[in-house]
Amino acid sequence: MGAKDLYKLFISNHVGAVQAYREGRMTIRQCADMLGVDYFEMNEILKSENINIMPEPEQGLATLLPELEDSFGKNP
């Protein structure tokens, strides 16, 4: 697979991830995993697409803090 094909695949995945989030079929974290970016990068992608960031209902404070710490590399 050449660079041009990889770029097309990335763009296709980007559009698909953004649309899935917009429709509520995927969480930010799922979209980030799909694109190979972190949570904060996915937030920036969504903001660049003028999509309001919705809180993820399954994320309570008990899970949010450890995930944020993981993103910053504070947890092993």
Protein backbone atom coordinates (compact mmCIF):
# COMPACT_ATOMS: atom_id res chain seq x y z
CA MET A 1 0.00 0.00 0.00
CA GLY A 2 1.48 3.32 -1.05
CA ALA A 3 1.47 6.66 0.71
CA LYS A 4 -1.43 7.89 -1.42
CA ASP A 5 -3.52 4.86 -0.42
CA LEU A 6 -2.66 5.34 3.25
CA TYR A 7 -3.70 8.99 3.04
CA LYS A 8 -7.02 8.06 1.44
CA LEU A 9 -7.59 5.46 4.17
CA PHE A 10 -6.82 7.99 6.91
CA ILE A 11 -9.18 10.58 5.42
CA SER A 12 -11.89 7.95 5.04
CA ASN A 13 -11.44 6.87 8.66
CA HIS A 14 -11.37 10.51 9.81
CA VAL A 15 -14.67 11.26 8.10
CA GLY A 16 -16.17 8.00 9.38
CA ALA A 17 -15.06 8.61 12.97
CA VAL A 18 -16.38 12.18 12.99
CA GLN A 19 -19.72 11.07 11.52
CA ALA A 20 -20.02 8.20 14.01
CA TYR A 21 -19.40 10.60 16.90
CA ARG A 22 -21.86 13.12 15.49
CA GLU A 23 -24.53 10.40 15.30
CA GLY A 24 -23.76 9.16 18.82
CA ARG A 25 -22.58 5.73 17.63
CA MET A 26 -19.06 6.12 19.04
CA THR A 27 -17.47 7.88 22.00
CA ILE A 28 -14.57 10.29 21.72
CA ARG A 29 -12.22 7.61 23.01
CA GLN A 30 -13.47 5.07 20.46
CA CYS A 31 -12.97 7.59 17.64
CA ALA A 32 -9.50 8.43 18.94
CA ASP A 33 -8.57 4.75 19.00
CA MET A 34 -9.88 4.33 15.47
CA LEU A 35 -7.67 7.16 14.23
CA GLY A 36 -4.66 6.34 16.39
CA VAL A 37 -4.72 9.66 18.25
CA ASP A 38 -5.19 10.48 21.92
CA TYR A 39 -8.34 11.80 23.59
CA PHE A 40 -7.19 15.43 23.45
CA GLU A 41 -6.25 15.26 19.77
CA MET A 42 -9.69 13.81 19.03
CA ASN A 43 -11.28 16.71 20.89
CA GLU A 44 -9.33 19.10 18.65
CA ILE A 45 -10.42 17.21 15.52
CA LEU A 46 -14.05 17.46 16.60
CA LYS A 47 -13.69 21.16 17.42
CA SER A 48 -12.15 21.76 13.99
CA GLU A 49 -15.28 20.18 12.50
CA ASN A 50 -17.47 22.53 14.62
CA ILE A 51 -18.87 19.64 16.61
CA ASN A 52 -19.87 20.31 20.20
CA ILE A 53 -18.17 17.94 22.59
CA MET A 54 -20.76 15.91 24.48
CA PRO A 55 -19.93 14.38 27.85
CA GLU A 56 -19.73 10.62 27.68
CA PRO A 57 -22.48 9.27 29.96
CA GLU A 58 -20.53 6.21 31.06
CA GLN A 59 -17.68 8.37 32.30
CA GLY A 60 -18.07 9.28 35.93
CA LEU A 61 -15.52 11.13 37.96
CA ALA A 62 -14.12 7.81 39.16
CA THR A 63 -13.03 6.88 35.63
CA LEU A 64 -12.33 10.33 34.23
CA LEU A 65 -9.42 11.22 36.52
CA PRO A 66 -7.43 7.99 35.94
CA GLU A 67 -7.96 8.30 32.18
CA LEU A 68 -6.70 11.88 32.20
CA GLU A 69 -3.69 10.86 34.27
CA ASP A 70 -3.00 8.03 31.80
CA SER A 71 -3.14 10.52 28.93
CA PHE A 72 -0.46 12.57 30.66
CA GLY A 73 1.63 9.48 31.42
CA LYS A 74 1.23 9.71 35.20
CA ASN A 75 -0.03 6.13 35.62
CA PRO A 76 2.03 3.11 34.54
